[in-house]
Amino acid sequence: MIDEIDRQILNILQQNARTPNAEIARQVGMAPSAVLERIRKLETRGVIRGYEARIDPEALGLNLLAFVFVRAEDTIEERTGEVLAQIPEVQEVHHIAGEDCYLVKVRVPDAKRLARLLRERFAGSGTVRSTRTTVVLETLRESAQIPVAAATVPVAVPAEQEEEVLL
């Protein structure tokens, strides 16, 4: 179960995964050793799946962001997502409901590279029947942060506050 302290720790780590343990402890009002123990438990339980650097794609020349709707061949649909996920330019693959089978987020340097990616890697995979592509003109917000406060996991109530909750 995730309690309010865990939620605070998760929010701090999402803002900056390099926040020192002592600073997290100060912000949540706990001893650094207790915070470290909580973080390790969150990692062990798979709540925290890893730590990544957020890199500016334009600094690497990846100036074009596109979303590709993919229809897979009916007989091999389950394999298509796995094939798409192995393509380096693919950032996300989502199995979706509706006419299309997958929604894929890709980053490439330019339109010419996007065309080549669709022609050679998507169509050339042998599992893709058709694609529809939407090119992003401007990104107003992009985040991998999870809205921890909106989580539906039951929150543990500390024993000392249990009476207050019941009142």
N, C-alpha and C. Protein backbone atom coordinates (compact mmCIF):
# COMPACT_ATOMS: atom_id res chain seq x y z
N MET A 1 0.84 -1.17 0.00
CA MET A 1 0.00 0.00 0.00
C MET A 1 0.89 1.25 0.00
N ILE A 2 0.46 2.26 -0.67
CA ILE A 2 1.20 3.51 -0.75
C ILE A 2 0.55 4.52 0.18
N ASP A 3 1.34 5.06 1.11
CA ASP A 3 0.79 6.05 2.03
C ASP A 3 1.17 7.46 1.58
N GLU A 4 0.75 8.43 2.34
CA GLU A 4 0.98 9.83 1.97
C GLU A 4 2.47 10.16 1.90
N ILE A 5 3.27 9.60 2.77
CA ILE A 5 4.72 9.85 2.74
C ILE A 5 5.31 9.29 1.44
N ASP A 6 4.90 8.08 1.06
CA ASP A 6 5.36 7.51 -0.21
C ASP A 6 5.00 8.42 -1.37
N ARG A 7 3.79 8.95 -1.35
CA ARG A 7 3.35 9.86 -2.42
C ARG A 7 4.24 11.10 -2.48
N GLN A 8 4.56 11.64 -1.32
CA GLN A 8 5.44 12.82 -1.28
C GLN A 8 6.81 12.48 -1.85
N ILE A 9 7.34 11.33 -1.45
CA ILE A 9 8.64 10.89 -1.96
C ILE A 9 8.59 10.72 -3.48
N LEU A 10 7.55 10.09 -3.98
CA LEU A 10 7.40 9.90 -5.42
C LEU A 10 7.34 11.23 -6.16
N ASN A 11 6.60 12.18 -5.62
CA ASN A 11 6.52 13.51 -6.25
C ASN A 11 7.88 14.20 -6.29
N ILE A 12 8.61 14.11 -5.20
CA ILE A 12 9.94 14.73 -5.14
C ILE A 12 10.86 14.09 -6.18
N LEU A 13 10.86 12.76 -6.23
CA LEU A 13 11.73 12.05 -7.18
C LEU A 13 11.33 12.32 -8.63
N GLN A 14 10.04 12.49 -8.88
CA GLN A 14 9.61 12.80 -10.25
C GLN A 14 10.07 14.19 -10.66
N GLN A 15 10.11 15.13 -9.73
CA GLN A 15 10.58 16.47 -10.04
C GLN A 15 12.08 16.46 -10.34
N ASN A 16 12.81 15.68 -9.52
CA ASN A 16 14.26 15.59 -9.71
C ASN A 16 14.74 14.30 -9.07
N ALA A 17 15.01 13.30 -9.88
CA ALA A 17 15.43 11.99 -9.38
C ALA A 17 16.80 12.04 -8.71
N ARG A 18 17.51 13.14 -8.88
CA ARG A 18 18.82 13.28 -8.26
C ARG A 18 18.77 14.03 -6.93
N THR A 19 17.57 14.27 -6.42
CA THR A 19 17.44 14.94 -5.12
C THR A 19 18.13 14.08 -4.07
N PRO A 20 19.05 14.66 -3.30
CA PRO A 20 19.74 13.88 -2.27
C PRO A 20 18.76 13.32 -1.24
N ASN A 21 19.08 12.14 -0.76
CA ASN A 21 18.25 11.46 0.23
C ASN A 21 18.00 12.35 1.46
N ALA A 22 19.02 13.06 1.90
CA ALA A 22 18.87 13.94 3.07
C ALA A 22 17.85 15.04 2.80
N GLU A 23 17.82 15.55 1.57
CA GLU A 23 16.86 16.61 1.23
C GLU A 23 15.44 16.06 1.18
N ILE A 24 15.28 14.85 0.64
CA ILE A 24 13.96 14.21 0.62
C ILE A 24 13.49 14.01 2.06
N ALA A 25 14.39 13.54 2.92
CA ALA A 25 14.06 13.30 4.32
C ALA A 25 13.62 14.60 5.00
N ARG A 26 14.33 15.69 4.72
CA ARG A 26 13.96 16.99 5.29
C ARG A 26 12.56 17.40 4.84
N GLN A 27 12.27 17.23 3.54
CA GLN A 27 10.98 17.65 3.01
C GLN A 27 9.81 16.84 3.55
N VAL A 28 10.03 15.56 3.82
CA VAL A 28 8.92 14.72 4.32
C VAL A 28 8.93 14.56 5.84
N GLY A 29 9.95 15.12 6.50
CA GLY A 29 10.00 15.09 7.95
C GLY A 29 10.35 13.73 8.53
N MET A 30 11.26 13.02 7.89
CA MET A 30 11.68 11.70 8.36
C MET A 30 13.20 11.62 8.40
N ALA A 31 13.71 10.58 9.02
CA ALA A 31 15.16 10.33 9.04
C ALA A 31 15.59 9.84 7.65
N PRO A 32 16.80 10.23 7.23
CA PRO A 32 17.29 9.78 5.92
C PRO A 32 17.28 8.26 5.76
N SER A 33 17.60 7.52 6.81
CA SER A 33 17.60 6.05 6.71
C SER A 33 16.20 5.51 6.45
N ALA A 34 15.19 6.13 7.05
CA ALA A 34 13.80 5.69 6.84
C ALA A 34 13.35 5.99 5.41
N VAL A 35 13.78 7.13 4.90
CA VAL A 35 13.44 7.50 3.52
C VAL A 35 14.12 6.54 2.54
N LEU A 36 15.38 6.24 2.78
CA LEU A 36 16.10 5.31 1.92
C LEU A 36 15.41 3.95 1.91
N GLU A 37 14.97 3.49 3.08
CA GLU A 37 14.24 2.22 3.18
C GLU A 37 12.95 2.26 2.36
N ARG A 38 12.21 3.35 2.45
CA ARG A 38 10.97 3.50 1.68
C ARG A 38 11.25 3.48 0.18
N ILE A 39 12.29 4.19 -0.25
CA ILE A 39 12.63 4.23 -1.68
C ILE A 39 13.00 2.83 -2.16
N ARG A 40 13.79 2.13 -1.38
CA ARG A 40 14.17 0.76 -1.77
C ARG A 40 12.94 -0.14 -1.88
N LYS A 41 11.99 0.00 -0.96
CA LYS A 41 10.76 -0.81 -1.02
C LYS A 41 9.94 -0.44 -2.26
N LEU A 42 9.87 0.85 -2.58
CA LEU A 42 9.14 1.28 -3.79
C LEU A 42 9.81 0.72 -5.04
N GLU A 43 11.13 0.65 -5.04
CA GLU A 43 11.86 0.06 -6.17
C GLU A 43 11.60 -1.44 -6.25
N THR A 44 11.69 -2.12 -5.12
CA THR A 44 11.49 -3.57 -5.08
C THR A 44 10.09 -3.96 -5.54
N ARG A 45 9.10 -3.18 -5.13
CA ARG A 45 7.71 -3.47 -5.51
C ARG A 45 7.41 -3.05 -6.95
N GLY A 46 8.35 -2.39 -7.62
CA GLY A 46 8.13 -2.00 -9.00
C GLY A 46 7.37 -0.70 -9.17
N VAL A 47 7.13 0.01 -8.07
CA VAL A 47 6.47 1.32 -8.17
C VAL A 47 7.43 2.29 -8.85
N ILE A 48 8.68 2.29 -8.42
CA ILE A 48 9.73 3.03 -9.10
C ILE A 48 10.42 2.03 -10.01
N ARG A 49 10.30 2.26 -11.33
CA ARG A 49 10.84 1.31 -12.30
C ARG A 49 12.23 1.66 -12.78
N GLY A 50 12.71 2.85 -12.48
CA GLY A 50 14.05 3.23 -12.91
C GLY A 50 14.20 4.74 -12.87
N TYR A 51 15.38 5.20 -13.26
CA TYR A 51 15.69 6.62 -13.26
C TYR A 51 16.28 6.95 -14.62
N GLU A 52 15.81 8.04 -15.23
CA GLU A 52 16.27 8.41 -16.56
C GLU A 52 16.58 9.89 -16.63
N ALA A 53 17.49 10.25 -17.50
CA ALA A 53 17.76 11.66 -17.78
C ALA A 53 16.78 12.13 -18.84
N ARG A 54 16.24 13.33 -18.70
CA ARG A 54 15.36 13.91 -19.72
C ARG A 54 16.25 14.75 -20.65
N ILE A 55 16.32 14.34 -21.88
CA ILE A 55 17.22 14.96 -22.85
C ILE A 55 16.40 15.78 -23.84
N ASP A 56 16.89 16.96 -24.18
CA ASP A 56 16.23 17.80 -25.17
C ASP A 56 16.44 17.18 -26.55
N PRO A 57 15.37 16.68 -27.18
CA PRO A 57 15.54 16.02 -28.49
C PRO A 57 16.11 16.95 -29.56
N GLU A 58 15.77 18.23 -29.51
CA GLU A 58 16.26 19.17 -30.52
C GLU A 58 17.77 19.37 -30.40
N ALA A 59 18.31 19.24 -29.18
CA ALA A 59 19.76 19.36 -28.98
C ALA A 59 20.49 18.23 -29.72
N LEU A 60 19.78 17.14 -29.99
CA LEU A 60 20.37 16.01 -30.72
C LEU A 60 19.95 15.99 -32.19
N GLY A 61 19.26 17.05 -32.62
CA GLY A 61 18.83 17.13 -34.01
C GLY A 61 17.57 16.33 -34.32
N LEU A 62 16.87 15.89 -33.30
CA LEU A 62 15.62 15.14 -33.51
C LEU A 62 14.47 16.14 -33.45
N ASN A 63 14.30 16.88 -34.53
CA ASN A 63 13.40 18.02 -34.57
C ASN A 63 11.96 17.68 -34.93
N LEU A 64 11.70 16.48 -35.39
CA LEU A 64 10.35 16.13 -35.82
C LEU A 64 9.76 15.06 -34.91
N LEU A 65 8.61 15.38 -34.34
CA LEU A 65 7.87 14.44 -33.50
C LEU A 65 6.59 14.08 -34.25
N ALA A 66 6.28 12.79 -34.30
CA ALA A 66 5.07 12.36 -35.00
C ALA A 66 4.42 11.22 -34.22
N PHE A 67 3.11 11.12 -34.40
CA PHE A 67 2.34 10.00 -33.86
C PHE A 67 1.82 9.21 -35.05
N VAL A 68 2.05 7.91 -35.02
CA VAL A 68 1.68 7.05 -36.13
C VAL A 68 0.63 6.05 -35.66
N PHE A 69 -0.52 6.07 -36.32
CA PHE A 69 -1.56 5.08 -36.07
C PHE A 69 -1.27 3.90 -36.98
N VAL A 70 -1.20 2.72 -36.40
CA VAL A 70 -0.78 1.53 -37.15
C VAL A 70 -1.90 0.49 -37.14
N ARG A 71 -2.19 -0.05 -38.32
CA ARG A 71 -3.07 -1.21 -38.45
C ARG A 71 -2.19 -2.41 -38.75
N ALA A 72 -2.39 -3.45 -37.98
CA ALA A 72 -1.57 -4.64 -38.14
C ALA A 72 -2.31 -5.69 -38.95
N GLU A 73 -1.55 -6.61 -39.51
CA GLU A 73 -2.15 -7.77 -40.16
C GLU A 73 -2.90 -8.56 -39.09
N ASP A 74 -4.12 -8.96 -39.38
CA ASP A 74 -4.98 -9.63 -38.39
C ASP A 74 -4.34 -10.85 -37.77
N THR A 75 -3.64 -11.63 -38.56
CA THR A 75 -3.12 -12.91 -38.06
C THR A 75 -1.88 -12.77 -37.18
N ILE A 76 -1.18 -11.63 -37.28
CA ILE A 76 0.04 -11.46 -36.50
C ILE A 76 0.05 -10.18 -35.69
N GLU A 77 -1.13 -9.71 -35.31
CA GLU A 77 -1.24 -8.44 -34.61
C GLU A 77 -0.43 -8.40 -33.32
N GLU A 78 -0.44 -9.49 -32.55
CA GLU A 78 0.25 -9.49 -31.26
C GLU A 78 1.76 -9.30 -31.41
N ARG A 79 2.32 -9.71 -32.54
CA ARG A 79 3.75 -9.57 -32.78
C ARG A 79 4.13 -8.17 -33.23
N THR A 80 3.19 -7.44 -33.80
CA THR A 80 3.47 -6.12 -34.36
C THR A 80 3.99 -5.15 -33.32
N GLY A 81 3.35 -5.10 -32.17
CA GLY A 81 3.79 -4.19 -31.12
C GLY A 81 5.21 -4.46 -30.68
N GLU A 82 5.57 -5.72 -30.58
CA GLU A 82 6.94 -6.10 -30.20
C GLU A 82 7.94 -5.66 -31.26
N VAL A 83 7.56 -5.82 -32.53
CA VAL A 83 8.44 -5.42 -33.64
C VAL A 83 8.63 -3.91 -33.62
N LEU A 84 7.55 -3.16 -33.46
CA LEU A 84 7.63 -1.69 -33.45
C LEU A 84 8.45 -1.19 -32.27
N ALA A 85 8.32 -1.82 -31.12
CA ALA A 85 9.03 -1.40 -29.92
C ALA A 85 10.55 -1.54 -30.06
N GLN A 86 11.02 -2.35 -31.00
CA GLN A 86 12.45 -2.55 -31.20
C GLN A 86 13.10 -1.50 -32.10
N ILE A 87 12.30 -0.64 -32.71
CA ILE A 87 12.82 0.39 -33.62
C ILE A 87 13.37 1.55 -32.79
N PRO A 88 14.63 1.92 -32.97
CA PRO A 88 15.25 2.95 -32.12
C PRO A 88 14.53 4.30 -32.11
N GLU A 89 13.96 4.71 -33.23
CA GLU A 89 13.28 6.01 -33.30
C GLU A 89 11.93 6.01 -32.59
N VAL A 90 11.45 4.86 -32.22
CA VAL A 90 10.15 4.73 -31.55
C VAL A 90 10.34 4.97 -30.05
N GLN A 91 9.59 5.93 -29.52
CA GLN A 91 9.66 6.23 -28.09
C GLN A 91 8.57 5.52 -27.30
N GLU A 92 7.41 5.36 -27.90
CA GLU A 92 6.29 4.74 -27.20
C GLU A 92 5.48 3.90 -28.18
N VAL A 93 4.94 2.80 -27.69
CA VAL A 93 4.02 1.97 -28.47
C VAL A 93 2.84 1.65 -27.56
N HIS A 94 1.64 2.02 -28.00
CA HIS A 94 0.43 1.79 -27.23
C HIS A 94 -0.54 0.93 -28.04
N HIS A 95 -0.98 -0.17 -27.47
CA HIS A 95 -2.01 -1.01 -28.09
C HIS A 95 -3.34 -0.33 -27.80
N ILE A 96 -4.10 0.02 -28.83
CA ILE A 96 -5.29 0.85 -28.64
C ILE A 96 -6.56 0.16 -29.16
N ALA A 97 -7.70 0.67 -28.70
CA ALA A 97 -9.00 0.21 -29.20
C ALA A 97 -9.40 1.08 -30.37
N GLY A 98 -10.24 0.55 -31.25
CA GLY A 98 -10.71 1.31 -32.40
C GLY A 98 -10.26 0.67 -33.70
N GLU A 99 -10.32 1.44 -34.76
CA GLU A 99 -9.97 0.92 -36.09
C GLU A 99 -8.49 0.56 -36.20
N ASP A 100 -7.65 1.33 -35.54
CA ASP A 100 -6.22 1.07 -35.59
C ASP A 100 -5.84 0.15 -34.43
N CYS A 101 -4.67 -0.44 -34.53
CA CYS A 101 -4.20 -1.38 -33.51
C CYS A 101 -3.22 -0.74 -32.53
N TYR A 102 -2.37 0.16 -33.04
CA TYR A 102 -1.32 0.75 -32.21
C TYR A 102 -1.22 2.25 -32.47
N LEU A 103 -0.81 2.98 -31.43
CA LEU A 103 -0.44 4.38 -31.53
C LEU A 103 1.04 4.43 -31.16
N VAL A 104 1.86 4.96 -32.08
CA VAL A 104 3.31 4.93 -31.90
C VAL A 104 3.85 6.36 -31.95
N LYS A 105 4.67 6.70 -30.96
CA LYS A 105 5.32 8.00 -30.91
C LYS A 105 6.74 7.85 -31.43
N VAL A 106 7.09 8.66 -32.44
CA VAL A 106 8.42 8.58 -33.03
C VAL A 106 9.09 9.95 -33.07
N ARG A 107 10.42 9.94 -33.00
CA ARG A 107 11.22 11.17 -33.15
C ARG A 107 12.29 10.92 -34.19
N VAL A 108 12.36 11.84 -35.14
CA VAL A 108 13.34 11.75 -36.22
C VAL A 108 13.85 13.16 -36.55
N PRO A 109 14.93 13.27 -37.31
CA PRO A 109 15.46 14.60 -37.64
C PRO A 109 14.54 15.44 -38.53
N ASP A 110 13.89 14.80 -39.52
CA ASP A 110 13.12 15.58 -40.49
C ASP A 110 12.10 14.70 -41.21
N ALA A 111 11.33 15.33 -42.09
CA ALA A 111 10.26 14.63 -42.80
C ALA A 111 10.81 13.52 -43.70
N LYS A 112 11.97 13.75 -44.30
CA LYS A 112 12.58 12.73 -45.17
C LYS A 112 12.89 11.47 -44.36
N ARG A 113 13.43 11.64 -43.17
CA ARG A 113 13.74 10.49 -42.31
C ARG A 113 12.46 9.80 -41.84
N LEU A 114 11.40 10.59 -41.60
CA LEU A 114 10.11 10.00 -41.20
C LEU A 114 9.59 9.12 -42.33
N ALA A 115 9.64 9.62 -43.55
CA ALA A 115 9.16 8.85 -44.70
C ALA A 115 9.95 7.55 -44.84
N ARG A 116 11.25 7.64 -44.67
CA ARG A 116 12.08 6.43 -44.77
C ARG A 116 11.78 5.44 -43.64
N LEU A 117 11.58 5.97 -42.44
CA LEU A 117 11.23 5.12 -41.30
C LEU A 117 9.92 4.37 -41.56
N LEU A 118 8.91 5.07 -42.04
CA LEU A 118 7.61 4.45 -42.32
C LEU A 118 7.72 3.42 -43.44
N ARG A 119 8.47 3.75 -44.46
CA ARG A 119 8.60 2.86 -45.62
C ARG A 119 9.46 1.63 -45.30
N GLU A 120 10.60 1.85 -44.68
CA GLU A 120 11.54 0.75 -44.48
C GLU A 120 11.29 -0.06 -43.21
N ARG A 121 11.04 0.62 -42.11
CA ARG A 121 10.94 -0.09 -40.83
C ARG A 121 9.51 -0.51 -40.51
N PHE A 122 8.53 0.37 -40.75
CA PHE A 122 7.14 0.02 -40.44
C PHE A 122 6.59 -0.92 -41.52
N ALA A 123 6.51 -0.42 -42.75
CA ALA A 123 5.96 -1.24 -43.84
C ALA A 123 6.84 -2.46 -44.11
N GLY A 124 8.13 -2.29 -43.94
CA GLY A 124 9.06 -3.38 -44.20
C GLY A 124 9.07 -4.47 -43.12
N SER A 125 8.33 -4.24 -42.04
CA SER A 125 8.32 -5.23 -40.94
C SER A 125 7.54 -6.48 -41.31
N GLY A 126 6.65 -6.36 -42.30
CA GLY A 126 5.83 -7.50 -42.69
C GLY A 126 4.62 -7.72 -41.80
N THR A 127 4.49 -6.93 -40.75
CA THR A 127 3.36 -7.09 -39.84
C THR A 127 2.39 -5.91 -39.89
N VAL A 128 2.79 -4.83 -40.58
CA VAL A 128 1.98 -3.62 -40.64
C VAL A 128 1.19 -3.58 -41.95
N ARG A 129 -0.14 -3.42 -41.83
CA ARG A 129 -0.99 -3.33 -43.02
C ARG A 129 -1.05 -1.89 -43.53
N SER A 130 -1.21 -0.90 -42.61
CA SER A 130 -1.28 0.49 -43.02
C SER A 130 -0.93 1.41 -41.86
N THR A 131 -0.59 2.66 -42.20
CA THR A 131 -0.29 3.67 -41.18
C THR A 131 -0.96 4.99 -41.54
N ARG A 132 -1.26 5.77 -40.52
CA ARG A 132 -1.70 7.16 -40.66
C ARG A 132 -0.83 7.97 -39.72
N THR A 133 -0.25 9.05 -40.20
CA THR A 133 0.72 9.79 -39.41
C THR A 133 0.25 11.22 -39.15
N THR A 134 0.44 11.65 -37.91
CA THR A 134 0.16 13.03 -37.52
C THR A 134 1.48 13.65 -37.06
N VAL A 135 1.89 14.73 -37.72
CA VAL A 135 3.13 15.41 -37.38
C VAL A 135 2.81 16.53 -36.39
N VAL A 136 3.59 16.61 -35.33
CA VAL A 136 3.41 17.63 -34.30
C VAL A 136 4.06 18.93 -34.77
N LEU A 137 3.29 20.01 -34.73
CA LEU A 137 3.82 21.32 -35.11
C LEU A 137 4.51 22.01 -33.94
N GLU A 138 3.94 21.85 -32.76
CA GLU A 138 4.49 22.48 -31.56
C GLU A 138 4.05 21.68 -30.34
N THR A 139 4.97 21.46 -29.42
CA THR A 139 4.64 20.76 -28.19
C THR A 139 4.47 21.78 -27.08
N LEU A 140 3.28 21.82 -26.50
CA LEU A 140 3.00 22.77 -25.43
C LEU A 140 3.33 22.19 -24.06
N ARG A 141 3.19 20.89 -23.92
CA ARG A 141 3.55 20.22 -22.67
C ARG A 141 3.85 18.76 -22.99
N GLU A 142 4.95 18.29 -22.45
CA GLU A 142 5.31 16.89 -22.59
C GLU A 142 5.94 16.47 -21.28
N SER A 143 5.42 15.40 -20.71
CA SER A 143 5.91 14.97 -19.41
C SER A 143 5.74 13.46 -19.25
N ALA A 144 6.67 12.87 -18.57
CA ALA A 144 6.54 11.45 -18.23
C ALA A 144 6.10 11.30 -16.78
N GLN A 145 5.85 12.43 -16.11
CA GLN A 145 5.46 12.37 -14.70
C GLN A 145 4.05 11.82 -14.55
N ILE A 146 3.88 10.97 -13.55
CA ILE A 146 2.59 10.37 -13.23
C ILE A 146 1.91 11.25 -12.19
N PRO A 147 0.61 11.54 -12.35
CA PRO A 147 -0.10 12.35 -11.35
C PRO A 147 -0.35 11.53 -10.07
N VAL A 148 0.64 11.51 -9.21
CA VAL A 148 0.60 10.68 -8.01
C VAL A 148 -0.63 10.98 -7.16
N ALA A 149 -1.01 12.25 -7.05
CA ALA A 149 -2.17 12.63 -6.23
C ALA A 149 -3.47 12.03 -6.76
N ALA A 150 -3.54 11.73 -8.04
CA ALA A 150 -4.76 11.19 -8.65
C ALA A 150 -4.80 9.66 -8.61
N ALA A 151 -3.77 9.04 -8.06
CA ALA A 151 -3.70 7.58 -8.02
C ALA A 151 -4.86 6.99 -7.23
N THR A 152 -5.34 5.84 -7.68
CA THR A 152 -6.49 5.21 -7.02
C THR A 152 -6.08 4.09 -6.07
N VAL A 153 -4.78 3.92 -5.86
CA VAL A 153 -4.31 2.91 -4.91
C VAL A 153 -4.74 3.35 -3.52
N PRO A 154 -5.29 2.45 -2.71
CA PRO A 154 -5.69 2.82 -1.35
C PRO A 154 -4.53 3.42 -0.57
N VAL A 155 -4.81 4.49 0.13
CA VAL A 155 -3.78 5.16 0.92
C VAL A 155 -3.85 4.65 2.35
N ALA A 156 -2.70 4.27 2.88
CA ALA A 156 -2.64 3.82 4.27
C ALA A 156 -2.73 5.04 5.18
N VAL A 157 -3.54 4.96 6.20
CA VAL A 157 -3.69 6.04 7.17
C VAL A 157 -2.82 5.68 8.37
N PRO A 158 -1.86 6.56 8.74
CA PRO A 158 -1.04 6.27 9.91
C PRO A 158 -1.92 6.07 11.14
N ALA A 159 -1.52 5.16 12.03
CA ALA A 159 -2.32 4.80 13.20
C ALA A 159 -2.68 6.00 14.04
N GLU A 160 -1.76 6.97 14.19
CA GLU A 160 -2.05 8.14 15.03
C GLU A 160 -3.12 9.03 14.42
N GLN A 161 -3.34 8.94 13.10
CA GLN A 161 -4.37 9.76 12.46
C GLN A 161 -5.68 8.99 12.28
N GLU A 162 -5.68 7.70 12.57
CA GLU A 162 -6.85 6.86 12.34
C GLU A 162 -8.07 7.37 13.09
N GLU A 163 -7.88 7.81 14.35
CA GLU A 163 -9.00 8.33 15.14
C GLU A 163 -9.60 9.56 14.48
N GLU A 164 -8.73 10.45 13.97
CA GLU A 164 -9.21 11.67 13.33
C GLU A 164 -10.05 11.34 12.11
N VAL A 165 -9.64 10.33 11.34
CA VAL A 165 -10.36 9.95 10.13
C VAL A 165 -11.74 9.40 10.49
N LEU A 166 -11.82 8.65 11.58
CA LEU A 166 -13.09 8.04 11.98
C LEU A 166 -14.07 9.07 12.54
N LEU A 167 -13.58 10.19 13.06
CA LEU A 167 -14.44 11.21 13.63
C LEU A 167 -15.20 11.96 12.64
